[in-house]
Amino acid sequence: MLRHHTRGTQGHNTIISFFSNCLKLFSDGCKLSGISVGKWIIEDISAYKLGVDYCETLKRLFTNFSNKDKTDLIIFIDDLANNSHDLSHFIFYFSFNGASHKEAFVGDFHYQYPKKEQVESDILKRRMKWMIEQFVAYRIKYPLTILIIRDGVSEGQYQMILNEELNAMRTACQEVANQQNLKNWPPKFAVVIATKRNSARFFNRLDSNISNVKPLTVIDRDITRVNINEAYIVSANAFQGTAQAVCYQLLRNEIGFKAMDEVEALLLALSSHHQICKIPISLPEPVYQADKWSKRGNEMWKEYG
């Protein structure tokens, strides 16, 4: 079944309307004052207006949780790739919301030995500690929930993700708790698998006309498997060719997502968070950013490796 998500509430729409009025006043004021303001500035400000504040989405999603502090999440992306013909290295890259601004994403990459289909535990623990350190430095508190969005794995590797990589991150958190003498801190995790390269294609058919589905379309019934929480999301508008859906699967849910709808809303919010673009992109912002870290890692290896 196709569902088109309608984002926002009445209060959120009021804020958007207020922002639109402020933007118009700003533009008109510049014209009256004779100030030359480039069109790109107005469009850039519009991007913030039209974008989705995922932090507000989280607050709305988790209002029924027993602990209101569970709205804080670290969004963590990791993958293994080698975009060149050089098989001497693999790259582990990630992006997370640990910057000074709570909605901004930062990241990094790490090299490891090739021909391994998983992130090495020692590297993962070291990087996990660093991400927690960055998060605490700017939030002045430890995250109670951690959402992991993992990319670049096949179904045969799901148990490896849960048994080895997730356990490595748990161990890192426990070691931090022991070092800082934290009691009752071990965070809760949720694990989502994102599969960008899949064979699923969706379209609308009206009589003899076939067209792409609308942006922000979610398919989570009828064709999805019943033995796993699964959804296909087409968040962007395909300007050419057939829109490609990204498949998301919720493997572990300790955080307490009450339904797949909540996961879908969060992922759609993140897809609208690319601030240099005023329309939703095809991937959640941290996934998109992590891909850029991969390219940078490969370029640096070619130059200095």
Foldseek 3Di string as FASTA:
>chain_A
DKDFDDDDDPVLVVVLVVLVVVLVVVVVVCVVVVHDDDPLVSVLSLLVSLAFQLLVLLQVQCVVPPDSLLSDEWEWEWEWDDPDPDQQWIKIKIKIQLALDNRDIDIAMDIDGGPDHDDDLVVLLVVLLVSQVSNCVRVVDGHQEYEYEYEHDDPVCPVVCVVPNVVSSQVSVVVVCVVVVNPPRRHYYWYKYKYQDDDDFDWDDDPPDIGEDDARMKDQDDPDDPVWRKIWHQHFDDPDDTGGTIMMTIDDDPSCRPHVVSVSSSFSSQQSSPSSDNGGDRGRVRVVVRVVNNVVVNVVVVVPD
